[in-house]
Amino acid sequence: MKLTKFLTAKKLEYFVFTPKWQRPIKVVIKNLPWESKPNEIKAFLEEIHNLKVEKVVQLTSMRTKRPLRLFQVTLPNTDNNKRIWEVSQILYMKVEVEKYKRRTGTLMCYNCNLYHHSAATCSMKARCLKCGEEHAHQSCDTVFDLNEQGKIANPRCINCNKEGHLASWRGCEKFKSNIKTNPKQNAYQKYRQVNPMISFADMVGDNQSILDPVQDLNDLKDKPTTINLHREKVESLNDILFILNEFKKIFGNTNIKI
């Protein structure tokens, strides 16, 4: 908290990572009629189920933009709100509650349109997806020529500076390069290498060391120790390494004294 206050006071741009245990609970409510009102769902969850709800939004089809019978509910990560998984009725109708699964792949910020973080934790300068100026794309008043589909006829990417697409296009060379250099994905790949000498039972067991206990100690000196690391631990460690690397980029060429 002190660091972010310092960065804000110095008017430095930054973004932060929210630890998994502090991230909000996100679920999808299924089986409600598509004409259900998000504000009515929110009120029902708060008044009847005694939950604290941040927001409820109705999901839409990516192709047709039509509303679906799916409603995303976001709640603060508290013990009481974990009871959302026990909810079976909303608006006096039977529903199913499932975990919200965001689109896989590299995360892109809708504020600065850069990668590996979200707009909710971004304190970078806004960059318009359409014109590249310092404002949100929703408030852009630049007039563009539109094609028959109502989209910008000659868009220019603000990340690769090439014409023909916007920065949100997943086929952009900058987007693809960030998929390859995603610190979490690449780091985890190292721990997925298969060792034919290790059985499945060893991998799923509780033992931290999966070496043969009767192996000669002299042989151990010349062989690398294999450790069974849980995926969440690996991801947390790589989050820290990535953050430290970003700090080096930010402060590496500055004379700021803390």
Protein backbone atom coordinates (compact mmCIF):
# COMPACT_ATOMS: atom_id res chain seq x y z
CA MET A 1 0.00 0.00 0.00
CA LYS A 2 2.85 2.39 0.87
CA LEU A 3 4.55 1.63 -2.43
CA THR A 4 1.46 2.39 -4.51
CA LYS A 5 0.97 5.66 -2.60
CA PHE A 6 4.59 6.55 -3.34
CA LEU A 7 4.20 5.77 -7.05
CA THR A 8 0.98 7.77 -7.20
CA ALA A 9 2.57 10.74 -5.42
CA LYS A 10 5.48 10.67 -7.87
CA LYS A 11 3.00 10.43 -10.77
CA LEU A 12 4.60 7.22 -11.97
CA GLU A 13 2.63 4.72 -14.01
CA TYR A 14 2.17 1.24 -12.58
CA PHE A 15 -0.12 -1.75 -12.34
CA VAL A 16 -0.50 -4.30 -9.57
CA PHE A 17 -1.33 -7.97 -9.22
CA THR A 18 -4.08 -8.94 -6.79
CA PRO A 19 -3.25 -12.14 -4.83
CA LYS A 20 -5.61 -15.01 -5.57
CA TRP A 21 -6.94 -15.06 -2.02
CA GLN A 22 -7.97 -11.39 -2.35
CA ARG A 23 -9.55 -11.61 -5.78
CA PRO A 24 -13.35 -11.32 -5.88
CA ILE A 25 -15.56 -14.36 -6.22
CA LYS A 26 -16.98 -14.60 -9.74
CA VAL A 27 -19.76 -17.03 -10.59
CA VAL A 28 -22.20 -17.59 -13.44
CA ILE A 29 -25.90 -18.09 -12.73
CA LYS A 30 -27.61 -20.41 -15.22
CA ASN A 31 -31.24 -21.21 -16.06
CA LEU A 32 -32.78 -17.80 -15.39
CA PRO A 33 -34.94 -16.31 -18.19
CA TRP A 34 -32.92 -14.07 -20.51
CA GLU A 35 -35.24 -11.14 -19.71
CA SER A 36 -34.33 -11.25 -15.99
CA LYS A 37 -33.07 -7.93 -14.63
CA PRO A 38 -29.53 -7.83 -13.15
CA ASN A 39 -30.63 -5.33 -10.47
CA GLU A 40 -33.42 -7.70 -9.37
CA ILE A 41 -30.97 -10.61 -9.16
CA LYS A 42 -28.58 -8.48 -7.08
CA ALA A 43 -31.36 -7.38 -4.73
CA PHE A 44 -32.59 -10.97 -4.29
CA LEU A 45 -29.12 -12.26 -3.42
CA GLU A 46 -28.60 -9.49 -0.89
CA GLU A 47 -32.02 -9.49 0.74
CA ILE A 48 -32.96 -13.18 0.65
CA HIS A 49 -29.57 -14.89 0.74
CA ASN A 50 -27.82 -12.20 2.83
CA LEU A 51 -24.87 -11.90 0.45
CA LYS A 52 -22.82 -8.81 -0.38
CA VAL A 53 -22.82 -8.39 -4.16
CA GLU A 54 -20.61 -5.98 -6.09
CA LYS A 55 -22.35 -6.31 -9.44
CA VAL A 56 -24.45 -8.53 -11.69
CA VAL A 57 -24.12 -8.40 -15.47
CA GLN A 58 -25.86 -10.37 -18.18
CA LEU A 59 -23.52 -12.15 -20.56
CA THR A 60 -23.97 -11.77 -24.30
CA SER A 61 -23.03 -13.80 -27.34
CA MET A 62 -19.67 -12.70 -28.76
CA ARG A 63 -20.91 -13.13 -32.33
CA THR A 64 -24.47 -11.85 -32.26
CA LYS A 65 -24.24 -9.65 -29.12
CA ARG A 66 -27.59 -11.05 -28.06
CA PRO A 67 -28.26 -11.47 -24.32
CA LEU A 68 -27.84 -15.00 -22.96
CA ARG A 69 -29.49 -16.84 -20.11
CA LEU A 70 -26.26 -16.41 -18.18
CA PHE A 71 -25.58 -13.84 -15.47
CA GLN A 72 -22.14 -13.11 -14.03
CA VAL A 73 -22.16 -12.27 -10.32
CA THR A 74 -19.15 -10.65 -8.64
CA LEU A 75 -18.83 -10.72 -4.85
CA PRO A 76 -16.11 -9.63 -2.37
CA ASN A 77 -13.99 -12.59 -1.28
CA THR A 78 -15.36 -13.16 2.23
CA ASP A 79 -16.33 -16.31 4.12
CA ASN A 80 -19.98 -15.29 4.14
CA ASN A 81 -20.04 -14.74 0.37
CA LYS A 82 -18.72 -18.24 -0.23
CA ARG A 83 -22.27 -19.37 0.51
CA ILE A 84 -23.05 -18.32 -3.06
CA TRP A 85 -22.16 -21.92 -4.02
CA GLU A 86 -25.09 -23.13 -1.89
CA VAL A 87 -27.67 -20.97 -3.69
CA SER A 88 -30.18 -23.06 -5.63
CA GLN A 89 -33.00 -20.54 -6.14
CA ILE A 90 -33.01 -16.95 -7.38
CA LEU A 91 -36.18 -14.96 -8.03
CA TYR A 92 -37.98 -18.12 -6.86
CA MET A 93 -36.64 -20.10 -9.80
CA LYS A 94 -34.25 -23.04 -9.71
CA VAL A 95 -30.75 -22.12 -10.86
CA GLU A 96 -27.26 -23.55 -11.20
CA VAL A 97 -24.17 -21.75 -9.91
CA GLU A 98 -20.89 -22.34 -11.72
CA LYS A 99 -17.43 -20.85 -11.51
CA TYR A 100 -16.83 -18.04 -14.00
CA LYS A 101 -14.12 -19.00 -16.47
CA ARG A 102 -12.54 -16.15 -18.35
CA ARG A 103 -11.15 -16.61 -21.82
CA THR A 104 -7.84 -18.45 -21.69
CA GLY A 105 -4.64 -16.86 -22.92
CA THR A 106 -2.83 -13.60 -22.32
CA LEU A 107 -4.70 -11.08 -20.19
CA MET A 108 -5.16 -7.65 -21.81
CA CYS A 109 -5.94 -4.42 -19.96
CA TYR A 110 -8.88 -2.41 -21.28
CA ASN A 111 -7.45 0.80 -19.81
CA CYS A 112 -3.96 1.01 -21.31
CA ASN A 113 -4.39 -1.90 -23.77
CA LEU A 114 -1.14 -3.54 -22.66
CA TYR A 115 -0.73 -7.07 -21.38
CA HIS A 116 -0.55 -9.28 -18.25
CA HIS A 117 -2.88 -7.21 -16.03
CA SER A 118 -6.47 -5.97 -15.82
CA ALA A 119 -8.01 -2.49 -15.90
CA ALA A 120 -9.19 -2.87 -12.29
CA THR A 121 -5.58 -2.76 -11.03
CA CYS A 122 -4.10 -0.47 -13.70
CA SER A 123 -2.77 3.01 -12.94
CA MET A 124 -1.20 3.52 -16.34
CA LYS A 125 -2.32 6.31 -18.64
CA ALA A 126 -5.43 5.39 -20.60
CA ARG A 127 -4.91 4.66 -24.30
CA CYS A 128 -7.85 4.68 -26.66
CA LEU A 129 -8.18 1.43 -28.58
CA LYS A 130 -9.42 3.37 -31.62
CA CYS A 131 -7.24 6.49 -31.88
CA GLY A 132 -4.45 5.94 -29.33
CA GLU A 133 -5.08 9.17 -27.41
CA GLU A 134 -5.16 9.35 -23.59
CA HIS A 135 -8.82 8.55 -22.99
CA ALA A 136 -11.07 5.51 -22.74
CA HIS A 137 -12.29 4.17 -26.07
CA GLN A 138 -15.90 4.53 -24.87
CA SER A 139 -15.48 8.31 -24.73
CA CYS A 140 -13.65 8.64 -28.06
CA ASP A 141 -15.26 11.31 -30.26
CA THR A 142 -13.02 10.78 -33.30
CA VAL A 143 -15.04 10.21 -36.47
CA PHE A 144 -14.01 7.14 -38.48
CA ASP A 145 -15.16 5.77 -41.81
CA LEU A 146 -17.22 2.63 -41.19
CA ASN A 147 -17.65 -0.48 -43.32
CA GLU A 148 -20.88 -2.35 -44.05
CA GLN A 149 -20.68 -4.13 -40.68
CA GLY A 150 -20.51 -0.80 -38.85
CA LYS A 151 -16.87 -1.29 -37.87
CA ILE A 152 -13.90 1.03 -38.51
CA ALA A 153 -12.99 0.62 -42.18
CA ASN A 154 -9.22 1.17 -41.82
CA PRO A 155 -8.29 0.53 -38.17
CA ARG A 156 -4.73 0.98 -36.92
CA CYS A 157 -3.30 -1.04 -34.05
CA ILE A 158 -1.90 1.14 -31.23
CA ASN A 159 0.52 -1.63 -30.19
CA CYS A 160 2.12 -2.80 -33.45
CA ASN A 161 1.21 0.38 -35.40
CA LYS A 162 0.00 -1.62 -38.40
CA GLU A 163 -3.23 -1.06 -40.30
CA GLY A 164 -6.00 -3.60 -40.67
CA HIS A 165 -6.84 -4.42 -37.06
CA LEU A 166 -7.23 -3.02 -33.55
CA ALA A 167 -4.99 -3.90 -30.61
CA SER A 168 -7.68 -6.21 -29.23
CA TRP A 169 -7.27 -8.59 -32.20
CA ARG A 170 -5.67 -11.81 -30.99
CA GLY A 171 -3.90 -12.25 -34.31
CA CYS A 172 -1.79 -9.12 -33.71
CA GLU A 173 1.96 -9.84 -33.69
CA LYS A 174 2.31 -8.02 -30.36
CA PHE A 175 -0.46 -10.12 -28.85
CA LYS A 176 1.15 -13.32 -30.12
CA SER A 177 4.59 -12.31 -28.84
CA ASN A 178 3.14 -11.71 -25.37
CA ILE A 179 1.59 -15.17 -25.40
CA LYS A 180 5.04 -16.63 -26.01
CA THR A 181 6.63 -14.54 -23.28
CA ASN A 182 3.83 -14.93 -20.72
CA PRO A 183 5.91 -15.30 -17.51
CA LYS A 184 3.42 -17.63 -15.83
CA GLN A 185 2.94 -19.98 -18.78
CA ASN A 186 6.61 -20.27 -19.70
CA ALA A 187 7.73 -20.78 -16.12
CA TYR A 188 5.18 -23.52 -15.55
CA GLN A 189 6.23 -25.29 -18.75
CA LYS A 190 9.57 -26.07 -17.10
CA TYR A 191 7.83 -28.06 -14.38
CA ARG A 192 5.72 -30.12 -16.79
CA GLN A 193 8.61 -32.12 -18.22
CA VAL A 194 7.95 -35.85 -17.89
CA ASN A 195 10.42 -37.95 -15.94
CA PRO A 196 10.02 -41.64 -16.92
CA MET A 197 11.58 -42.72 -13.59
CA ILE A 198 8.71 -41.16 -11.58
CA SER A 199 5.41 -43.00 -11.18
CA PHE A 200 1.96 -41.42 -11.14
CA ALA A 201 1.54 -42.47 -7.50
CA ASP A 202 4.68 -40.51 -6.59
CA MET A 203 3.48 -37.41 -8.39
CA VAL A 204 0.09 -37.27 -6.63
CA GLY A 205 1.42 -38.26 -3.22
CA ASP A 206 2.17 -35.93 -0.32
CA ASN A 207 5.91 -36.55 -0.35
CA GLN A 208 7.90 -33.44 -1.27
CA SER A 209 10.89 -35.47 -2.38
CA ILE A 210 10.14 -38.21 -4.88
CA LEU A 211 13.58 -39.78 -5.00
CA ASP A 212 14.04 -43.43 -4.06
CA PRO A 213 14.76 -43.38 -0.28
CA VAL A 214 17.17 -46.30 -0.58
CA GLN A 215 19.18 -44.63 -3.32
CA ASP A 216 22.86 -44.49 -2.52
CA LEU A 217 23.86 -41.13 -1.02
CA ASN A 218 26.93 -40.95 -3.18
CA ASP A 219 24.73 -41.06 -6.29
CA LEU A 220 22.63 -38.20 -4.95
CA LYS A 221 25.60 -35.87 -5.02
CA ASP A 222 25.90 -36.25 -8.78
CA LYS A 223 22.18 -36.18 -9.62
CA PRO A 224 19.76 -33.23 -9.48
CA THR A 225 17.05 -33.45 -6.83
CA THR A 226 13.53 -33.61 -8.25
CA ILE A 227 10.95 -31.69 -6.27
CA ASN A 228 7.18 -32.08 -6.60
CA LEU A 229 5.93 -28.47 -6.70
CA HIS A 230 2.25 -27.63 -6.69
CA ARG A 231 1.08 -25.51 -9.59
CA GLU A 232 -0.28 -22.71 -7.36
CA LYS A 233 3.07 -22.37 -5.57
CA VAL A 234 4.91 -22.18 -8.88
CA GLU A 235 2.52 -19.51 -10.18
CA SER A 236 2.86 -17.45 -6.98
CA LEU A 237 6.66 -17.55 -7.16
CA ASN A 238 6.64 -16.50 -10.79
CA ASP A 239 4.23 -13.67 -10.01
CA ILE A 240 6.82 -12.36 -7.55
CA LEU A 241 9.67 -12.73 -10.05
CA PHE A 242 7.66 -10.96 -12.74
CA ILE A 243 6.84 -8.06 -10.39
CA LEU A 244 10.49 -7.70 -9.37
CA ASN A 245 11.49 -7.62 -13.02
CA GLU A 246 8.92 -4.88 -13.71
CA PHE A 247 10.32 -2.81 -10.82
CA LYS A 248 13.78 -3.11 -12.34
CA LYS A 249 12.40 -1.75 -15.61
CA ILE A 250 10.65 1.14 -13.84
CA PHE A 251 13.41 2.20 -11.46
CA GLY A 252 16.47 0.99 -13.35
CA ASN A 253 17.22 4.33 -15.00
CA THR A 254 15.84 6.72 -12.38
CA ASN A 255 17.45 8.67 -9.59
CA ILE A 256 14.46 8.51 -7.26
CA LYS A 257 15.38 8.10 -3.61
CA ILE A 258 12.94 6.32 -1.31
